Protein backbone atom coordinates (compact mmCIF):
# COMPACT_ATOMS: atom_id res chain seq x y z
CA MET A 1 52.88 -30.70 -64.39
CA THR A 2 52.55 -30.51 -60.60
CA THR A 3 54.17 -27.08 -60.60
CA ASP A 4 51.76 -25.80 -63.31
CA TRP A 5 48.75 -27.09 -61.31
CA ASN A 6 49.95 -25.38 -58.11
CA LEU A 7 50.51 -22.10 -59.97
CA THR A 8 47.03 -22.27 -61.49
CA THR A 9 45.48 -22.90 -58.06
CA LEU A 10 47.41 -20.03 -56.53
CA LEU A 11 46.32 -17.59 -59.25
CA ALA A 12 42.69 -18.67 -58.80
CA ALA A 13 42.89 -18.12 -55.05
CA LEU A 14 44.41 -14.66 -55.50
CA GLY A 15 41.66 -13.78 -57.94
CA GLY A 16 39.06 -14.82 -55.35
CA VAL A 17 40.66 -12.62 -52.70
CA VAL A 18 40.68 -9.62 -55.06
CA LEU A 19 37.00 -10.23 -55.93
CA VAL A 20 36.01 -10.42 -52.25
CA GLY A 21 37.91 -7.20 -51.61
CA LEU A 22 36.10 -5.41 -54.42
CA LEU A 23 32.73 -6.63 -53.19
CA ALA A 24 33.54 -5.53 -49.61
CA GLN A 25 34.63 -2.09 -50.82
CA GLY A 26 31.39 -1.69 -52.76
CA TRP A 27 29.29 -2.74 -49.73
CA TRP A 28 31.14 -0.33 -47.41
CA SER A 29 30.71 2.58 -49.86
CA ALA A 30 26.98 1.89 -50.10
CA ARG A 31 26.66 1.65 -46.33
CA LYS A 32 28.43 4.98 -45.77
CA ALA A 33 26.14 6.66 -48.30
CA GLY A 34 22.98 5.74 -46.29
CA PRO A 35 21.88 6.40 -42.70
CA ARG A 36 23.97 4.82 -39.96
CA ARG A 37 22.34 1.61 -38.74
CA ALA A 38 22.35 -0.40 -35.58
CA GLU A 39 24.80 -3.27 -35.29
CA PRO A 40 23.29 -6.77 -34.99
CA LEU A 41 22.94 -7.85 -31.39
CA ALA A 42 24.45 -11.10 -30.15
CA PRO A 43 21.83 -13.52 -28.73
CA VAL A 44 21.65 -13.60 -24.96
CA GLY A 45 20.07 -16.10 -22.59
CA ASP A 46 16.81 -15.52 -20.80
CA ARG A 47 17.16 -12.96 -18.04
CA GLN A 48 15.69 -13.63 -14.64
CA GLU A 49 14.74 -10.85 -12.29
CA PRO A 50 15.88 -11.28 -8.69
CA SER A 51 13.22 -12.59 -6.34
CA LEU A 52 12.76 -12.26 -2.59
CA GLY A 53 10.99 -15.61 -2.39
CA ALA A 54 12.62 -18.95 -1.68
CA GLY A 55 12.55 -19.75 -5.38
CA GLY A 56 14.88 -16.79 -6.03
CA ALA A 57 17.73 -18.08 -3.87
CA ALA A 58 20.96 -18.95 -5.61
CA PRO A 59 21.88 -22.62 -5.87
CA GLY A 60 23.34 -23.84 -2.57
CA GLN A 61 22.22 -20.67 -0.75
CA ALA A 62 19.53 -20.85 1.94
CA PRO A 63 16.58 -18.47 1.67
CA VAL A 64 16.84 -15.35 3.80
CA THR A 65 14.58 -15.38 6.90
CA LEU A 66 13.86 -12.90 9.64
CA ASP A 67 15.99 -13.24 12.79
CA GLY A 68 14.33 -15.23 15.56
CA ALA A 69 12.07 -17.26 13.26
CA ALA A 70 13.11 -20.82 12.55
CA ASP A 71 12.15 -22.51 9.30
CA GLY A 72 8.54 -23.55 9.41
CA GLU A 73 7.65 -21.41 12.43
CA PRO A 74 5.10 -18.61 11.97
CA LEU A 75 6.35 -15.03 12.22
CA PRO A 76 4.84 -12.76 14.87
CA ASP A 77 1.99 -10.50 13.78
CA LEU A 78 3.70 -7.13 13.68
CA ARG A 79 0.35 -5.34 13.80
CA THR A 80 -0.13 -6.41 17.43
CA LEU A 81 3.13 -4.85 18.61
CA ASP A 82 1.65 -1.34 18.62
CA GLU A 83 -1.40 -2.25 20.71
CA THR A 84 0.57 -1.83 23.95
CA VAL A 85 1.29 1.85 23.11
CA PRO A 86 -1.48 4.21 24.28
CA ALA A 87 -3.05 6.18 21.45
CA VAL A 88 -2.30 9.49 23.18
CA ALA A 89 1.41 8.64 23.24
CA ARG A 90 1.68 8.04 19.50
CA THR A 91 3.30 10.85 17.54
CA ARG A 92 1.16 12.90 15.21
CA LYS A 93 3.25 12.95 12.05
CA ALA A 94 3.38 15.73 9.46
CA SER A 95 1.99 15.15 6.00
CA THR A 96 4.37 14.25 3.19
CA ARG A 97 1.88 15.25 0.46
CA ILE A 98 0.59 18.65 1.62
CA ASP A 99 3.00 21.48 2.43
CA ALA A 100 2.10 25.01 3.51
CA LEU A 101 5.02 26.30 1.40
CA ILE A 102 3.05 25.81 -1.81
CA ASP A 103 -0.44 24.65 -0.73
CA ALA A 104 -3.48 26.53 0.52
CA ILE A 105 -4.82 24.28 3.28
CA ALA A 106 -8.43 23.82 4.34
CA THR A 107 -9.19 21.85 7.52
CA LEU A 108 -12.25 19.66 8.14
CA ALA A 109 -13.39 18.54 11.60
CA PRO A 110 -16.12 15.85 11.63
CA ASP A 111 -18.35 15.36 14.68
CA SER A 112 -17.06 11.80 15.08
CA PRO A 113 -14.46 9.58 13.42
CA VAL A 114 -15.25 8.81 9.78
CA SER A 115 -14.66 5.43 8.17
CA GLY A 116 -12.39 5.18 5.18
CA GLU A 117 -15.26 3.74 3.13
CA MET A 118 -17.45 6.81 3.82
CA ALA A 119 -14.61 9.22 3.00
CA LEU A 120 -13.86 7.46 -0.28
CA SER A 121 -17.51 7.48 -1.32
CA HIS A 122 -17.69 11.28 -1.00
CA LEU A 123 -14.35 12.26 -2.56
CA PRO A 124 -14.69 14.64 -5.55
CA GLY A 125 -14.55 12.93 -8.92
CA SER A 126 -11.58 15.08 -9.92
CA ARG A 127 -8.86 16.34 -7.60
CA ARG A 128 -8.12 19.38 -9.73
CA ALA A 129 -9.35 22.97 -9.64
CA GLY A 130 -8.63 24.35 -13.08
CA THR A 131 -4.95 23.64 -13.71
CA LYS A 132 -4.10 23.18 -10.01
CA PRO A 133 -4.14 19.77 -8.27
CA PHE A 134 -5.29 19.26 -4.71
CA GLN A 135 -5.08 16.42 -2.19
CA ILE A 136 -7.47 15.30 0.55
CA GLU A 137 -5.92 13.48 3.51
CA GLY A 138 -7.28 12.01 6.69
CA LEU A 139 -5.62 11.81 10.10
CA ASN A 140 -5.63 8.10 10.95
CA ALA A 141 -7.22 7.70 14.39
CA ASP A 142 -4.97 4.72 15.22
CA SER A 143 -1.56 5.58 13.74
CA GLY A 144 -1.66 9.37 14.02
CA GLU A 145 -0.46 9.69 10.40
CA TRP A 146 -1.88 11.82 7.62
CA GLU A 147 -2.72 9.55 4.69
CA LEU A 148 -4.99 9.20 1.70
CA PRO A 149 -8.25 7.60 2.88
CA HIS A 150 -8.19 3.79 2.89
CA PRO A 151 -10.96 1.24 3.53
CA GLY A 152 -10.96 -0.28 7.00
CA GLN A 153 -9.48 2.82 8.67
CA ARG A 154 -11.00 5.57 10.82
CA TYR A 155 -10.18 9.28 10.54
CA GLY A 156 -10.72 11.95 13.16
CA GLU A 157 -9.70 14.94 11.01
CA PHE A 158 -9.23 15.80 7.34
CA GLN A 159 -7.26 18.41 5.44
CA ALA A 160 -7.26 19.48 1.79
CA GLY A 161 -4.27 21.16 0.18
CA LEU A 162 -4.62 23.14 -3.06
CA GLN A 163 -1.37 23.82 -4.94
CA MET A 164 -1.00 27.58 -5.37
CA ALA A 165 1.33 27.60 -8.39
CA ASN A 166 2.90 25.37 -11.02
CA ARG A 167 4.32 25.83 -14.50
CA SER A 168 0.81 26.70 -15.71
CA GLY A 169 0.90 29.87 -13.57
CA ALA A 170 -0.50 31.16 -10.29
CA LEU A 171 -3.78 30.09 -8.70
CA ASN A 172 -6.60 32.50 -9.53
CA GLU A 173 -9.95 33.36 -7.93
CA ILE A 174 -11.96 31.07 -10.23
CA GLU A 175 -9.77 28.06 -9.45
CA TYR A 176 -9.95 28.77 -5.73
CA SER A 177 -13.74 29.03 -5.86
CA GLU A 178 -13.91 25.66 -7.64
CA PHE A 179 -11.73 24.16 -4.89
CA VAL A 180 -14.02 25.56 -2.16
CA GLN A 181 -17.09 24.15 -3.91
CA LYS A 182 -15.59 20.65 -4.19
CA ILE A 183 -14.32 20.55 -0.61
CA GLN A 184 -17.64 21.86 0.72
CA GLY A 185 -19.41 18.97 -1.05
CA PHE A 186 -16.98 16.49 0.52
CA ALA A 187 -17.47 18.06 3.96
CA ASP A 188 -21.26 17.84 3.68
CA GLY A 189 -21.00 14.17 2.77
CA ILE A 190 -18.94 13.20 5.84
CA GLY A 191 -20.63 15.58 8.27
CA ALA A 192 -17.64 17.90 8.79
CA MET A 193 -17.26 21.65 9.26
CA PRO A 194 -14.62 23.05 6.83
CA GLU A 195 -12.45 26.08 7.44
CA PHE A 196 -10.96 27.79 4.38
CA PRO A 197 -8.16 30.37 4.25
CA ASP A 198 -9.06 33.81 2.95
CA MET A 199 -9.27 33.84 -0.84
CA LEU A 200 -7.56 37.22 -1.35
CA ASP A 201 -4.68 36.17 0.90
CA VAL A 202 -4.30 32.85 -0.93
CA VAL A 203 -4.32 34.48 -4.37
CA ALA A 204 -1.72 37.05 -3.28
CA ARG A 205 0.53 34.30 -1.92
CA ALA A 206 0.05 32.35 -5.15
CA ARG A 207 1.21 35.27 -7.28
CA GLU A 208 4.29 35.83 -5.16
CA LEU A 209 5.14 32.12 -5.28
CA ASP A 210 4.64 32.07 -9.05
CA GLN A 211 6.98 35.04 -9.51
CA PHE A 212 9.67 33.29 -7.50
CA ALA A 213 9.21 30.03 -9.41
CA ALA A 214 9.30 31.77 -12.80
CA SER A 215 12.59 33.49 -11.97
CA HIS A 216 14.18 30.29 -10.66
CA ASP A 217 13.01 27.72 -13.20
CA ALA A 218 15.72 26.00 -15.24
CA GLN A 219 15.33 23.50 -18.07
CA LEU A 220 18.50 22.90 -20.09
CA ALA A 221 18.61 21.49 -23.61
CA ILE A 222 21.30 20.98 -26.23
CA VAL A 223 21.02 19.70 -29.80
CA LEU A 224 23.14 16.85 -31.16
CA ARG A 225 23.44 17.49 -34.92
CA ALA A 226 24.88 14.90 -37.31
CA ARG A 227 28.10 16.00 -39.01
CA GLY A 228 27.85 13.53 -41.87
CA ALA A 229 25.54 10.59 -42.49
CA ALA A 230 22.12 10.60 -40.86
CA TRP A 231 21.10 7.98 -38.28
CA THR A 232 18.41 5.34 -38.36
CA LEU A 233 16.13 5.00 -35.36
CA GLY A 234 17.68 1.61 -34.59
CA PHE A 235 21.17 3.15 -34.57
CA VAL A 236 20.07 5.90 -32.16
CA GLN A 237 18.32 3.46 -29.83
CA GLN A 238 21.27 1.08 -29.76
CA GLY A 239 23.80 3.86 -29.15
CA ALA A 240 21.71 5.46 -26.39
CA LEU A 241 21.17 2.09 -24.73
CA ARG A 242 24.93 1.72 -24.28
CA HIS A 243 24.85 4.89 -22.17
CA GLY A 244 21.95 3.87 -19.94
CA PHE A 245 18.97 5.31 -21.81
CA VAL A 246 15.72 3.36 -22.09
CA PRO A 247 12.50 3.97 -24.09
CA GLY A 248 10.24 6.59 -22.53
CA ALA A 249 6.48 6.55 -22.15
CA MET A 250 5.97 8.79 -25.20
CA PRO A 251 7.02 8.14 -28.82
CA GLY A 252 10.20 9.96 -29.77
CA ARG A 253 11.67 9.93 -26.27
CA LEU A 254 14.44 8.00 -24.53
CA VAL A 255 15.14 8.60 -20.84
CA LEU A 256 18.03 8.13 -18.45
CA PRO A 257 16.33 6.80 -15.29
CA SER A 258 17.14 8.23 -11.88
CA ALA A 259 18.77 5.99 -9.27
CA GLU A 260 15.98 7.07 -6.90
CA GLU A 261 12.98 4.76 -7.13
CA GLY A 262 9.87 6.54 -8.41
CA ALA A 263 11.76 9.75 -9.25
CA PRO A 264 11.47 11.55 -12.60
CA PRO A 265 14.09 10.63 -15.22
CA LEU A 266 17.46 12.30 -14.91
CA LEU A 267 17.72 13.15 -18.63
CA THR A 268 15.53 12.89 -21.72
CA LEU A 269 16.69 12.35 -25.30
CA ASN A 270 14.04 13.52 -27.77
CA PHE A 271 13.75 13.02 -31.52
CA ASP A 272 11.13 13.13 -34.27
CA ALA A 273 8.05 11.24 -33.04
CA GLN A 274 7.11 10.30 -36.62
CA ALA A 275 10.35 8.35 -36.93
CA ALA A 276 9.52 6.54 -33.69
CA LEU A 277 6.16 5.46 -35.12
CA ALA A 278 7.59 4.20 -38.43
CA ASP A 279 6.88 0.57 -39.32
CA ASP A 280 10.52 -0.08 -40.16
CA PRO A 281 12.96 1.53 -37.67
CA GLN A 282 15.83 0.91 -40.10
CA ALA A 283 14.11 2.98 -42.82
CA SER A 284 13.91 6.16 -40.71
CA SER A 285 16.40 8.98 -41.03
CA LEU A 286 17.36 11.30 -38.15
CA ARG A 287 19.83 14.16 -38.13
CA GLU A 288 19.07 15.88 -34.80
CA LEU A 289 18.51 14.81 -31.19
CA THR A 290 17.71 17.00 -28.18
CA LEU A 291 19.21 16.13 -24.80
CA SER A 292 17.32 17.81 -21.94
CA LEU A 293 17.79 18.27 -18.19
CA ASP A 294 14.95 19.49 -15.97
CA VAL A 295 17.15 20.94 -13.22
CA LEU A 296 14.46 21.30 -10.54
CA GLN A 297 13.45 17.62 -10.65
CA THR A 298 16.78 16.16 -9.42
CA PRO A 299 18.74 16.83 -6.20
CA GLU A 300 21.98 18.77 -6.59
CA ALA A 301 23.84 15.99 -4.74
CA LEU A 302 23.28 13.64 -7.69
CA GLU A 303 25.22 16.08 -9.95
CA PRO A 304 22.70 16.08 -12.82
CA PHE A 305 24.53 18.90 -14.64
CA ALA A 306 27.74 16.87 -14.79
CA THR A 307 25.75 13.85 -16.02
CA TRP A 308 24.13 16.03 -18.70
CA GLN A 309 27.53 17.24 -19.95
CA GLU A 310 29.06 13.76 -19.91
CA SER A 311 26.11 12.22 -21.75
CA ALA A 312 26.22 14.97 -24.36
CA ARG A 313 29.92 14.38 -25.05
CA ASN A 314 29.61 10.59 -25.11
CA LEU A 315 26.62 10.61 -27.46
CA ALA A 316 28.22 13.24 -29.70
CA ARG A 317 31.37 11.12 -29.95
CA ASP A 318 29.52 7.89 -30.75
CA PHE A 319 27.07 9.53 -33.17
CA GLU A 320 29.71 11.79 -34.79
CA ALA A 321 27.61 14.85 -33.94
CA ASP A 322 28.17 18.49 -33.00
CA ILE A 323 26.85 19.84 -29.68
CA CYS A 324 24.78 22.94 -30.47
CA ASP A 325 22.41 25.35 -28.76
CA ASP A 326 18.87 26.06 -29.94
CA ARG A 327 20.25 28.53 -32.52
CA ASN A 328 22.49 25.81 -34.01
CA GLN A 329 25.64 27.46 -32.63
CA VAL A 330 28.31 24.93 -31.63
CA LEU A 331 28.94 25.03 -27.86
CA ASN A 332 32.41 24.97 -26.36
CA LEU A 333 33.73 24.15 -22.89
CA HIS A 334 33.46 27.77 -21.75
CA ALA A 335 29.71 27.76 -22.39
CA PHE A 336 29.21 24.77 -20.08
CA GLN A 337 31.33 26.40 -17.35
CA SER A 338 29.19 29.54 -17.47
CA ILE A 339 25.99 27.52 -17.14
CA GLY A 340 27.45 25.58 -14.21
CA GLN A 341 28.22 28.80 -12.30
CA GLU A 342 24.67 30.08 -12.77
CA LEU A 343 23.24 26.76 -11.55
CA ALA A 344 25.33 26.93 -8.37
CA GLU A 345 23.65 30.26 -7.50
CA LEU A 346 20.25 28.85 -8.40
CA TYR A 347 20.69 25.90 -6.04
CA LYS A 348 21.55 28.28 -3.17
CA SER A 349 18.47 30.45 -3.75
CA LEU A 350 16.17 27.43 -3.86
CA ALA A 351 17.61 25.93 -0.68
CA ALA A 352 17.22 29.27 1.14
CA ARG A 353 13.50 29.14 0.30
CA ASP A 354 13.19 25.51 1.49
CA LEU A 355 12.55 24.50 -2.12
CA ALA A 356 15.73 22.55 -2.80
CA ALA A 357 15.92 21.02 -6.28
CA GLY A 358 14.67 17.45 -6.33
CA SER A 359 12.67 17.76 -3.10
CA PRO A 360 9.03 16.59 -3.26
CA VAL A 361 7.72 20.14 -2.87
CA ALA A 362 10.01 21.49 -5.62
CA ARG A 363 9.01 18.70 -7.98
CA ARG A 364 5.37 19.64 -7.51
CA LEU A 365 5.93 23.37 -7.88
CA PHE A 366 8.02 23.01 -11.04
CA SER A 367 5.67 20.66 -12.86
């Protein structure tokens, strides 16, 4: 009887295993038939951002202090260290916001130093003339630096720089006239005499700059197209996150941040914005993604083209997608090599014009 009972138990167990196998096969078939979904994430502990304060020190590690200052002793007021340097000996530094390469510059000379409060109260409501931005800076009477006006400071000179070209086109006569009108109003408010460059000369320079920019602009994009099952939004977000992408400021966009603080993103991954706005990310269905590189926004030294290629291949592998151009033609290795050779020549031409890719002036021109 013991043998019969063991045999019965064994047959029941085998039946259970077969049933579980059938159920698992049915679940897997149903899953493959629908969009690919994100895998469940394992719970993680609360993350803490690093802190420079004493509370951010690791256990058993003393807080970092400046050399020469013992715990509890006040640090010297660094603002007083410059008082021993005569004002005439301080270096007058060039502006980092206004550049004669792409800006038409007007100068303003007030009769006497102007307070930051007065300058701010007379700034134009909008620092744009048509589609072209402009900046107004003051020469700090104490530091000798060009800066945006700040309260509590005094300025002996001012300058206004109007960008002559961007991706909207070249500066025209109407935009320049609007700039002159706004700067003249600012000059009247602070009691300054403005000097403007000749309009015809500025417009001619703007057209030449725009022609150069148009012939040297480069924005690369490839399409990742699903070979089989579509993807849910959650699947795309989870897969892109593994390769360093984070949500962008706009719906339907993921970005690969630059290592440079405050710089534009290195790459953007775009998809249908309607899917991004769906109430249930798992109910969305995506079949195409666009991976873009704005070449002029990143320095050549950071190798953005290589990063673009690598990201395309990694995402295509993980998403089981083809890499295609805008005509849905599958791209091969030779196509990437050809693009790389053209970019090498582009980088040389930009550097020869002092408009190296990723430089502040290039980022403004190609925006």
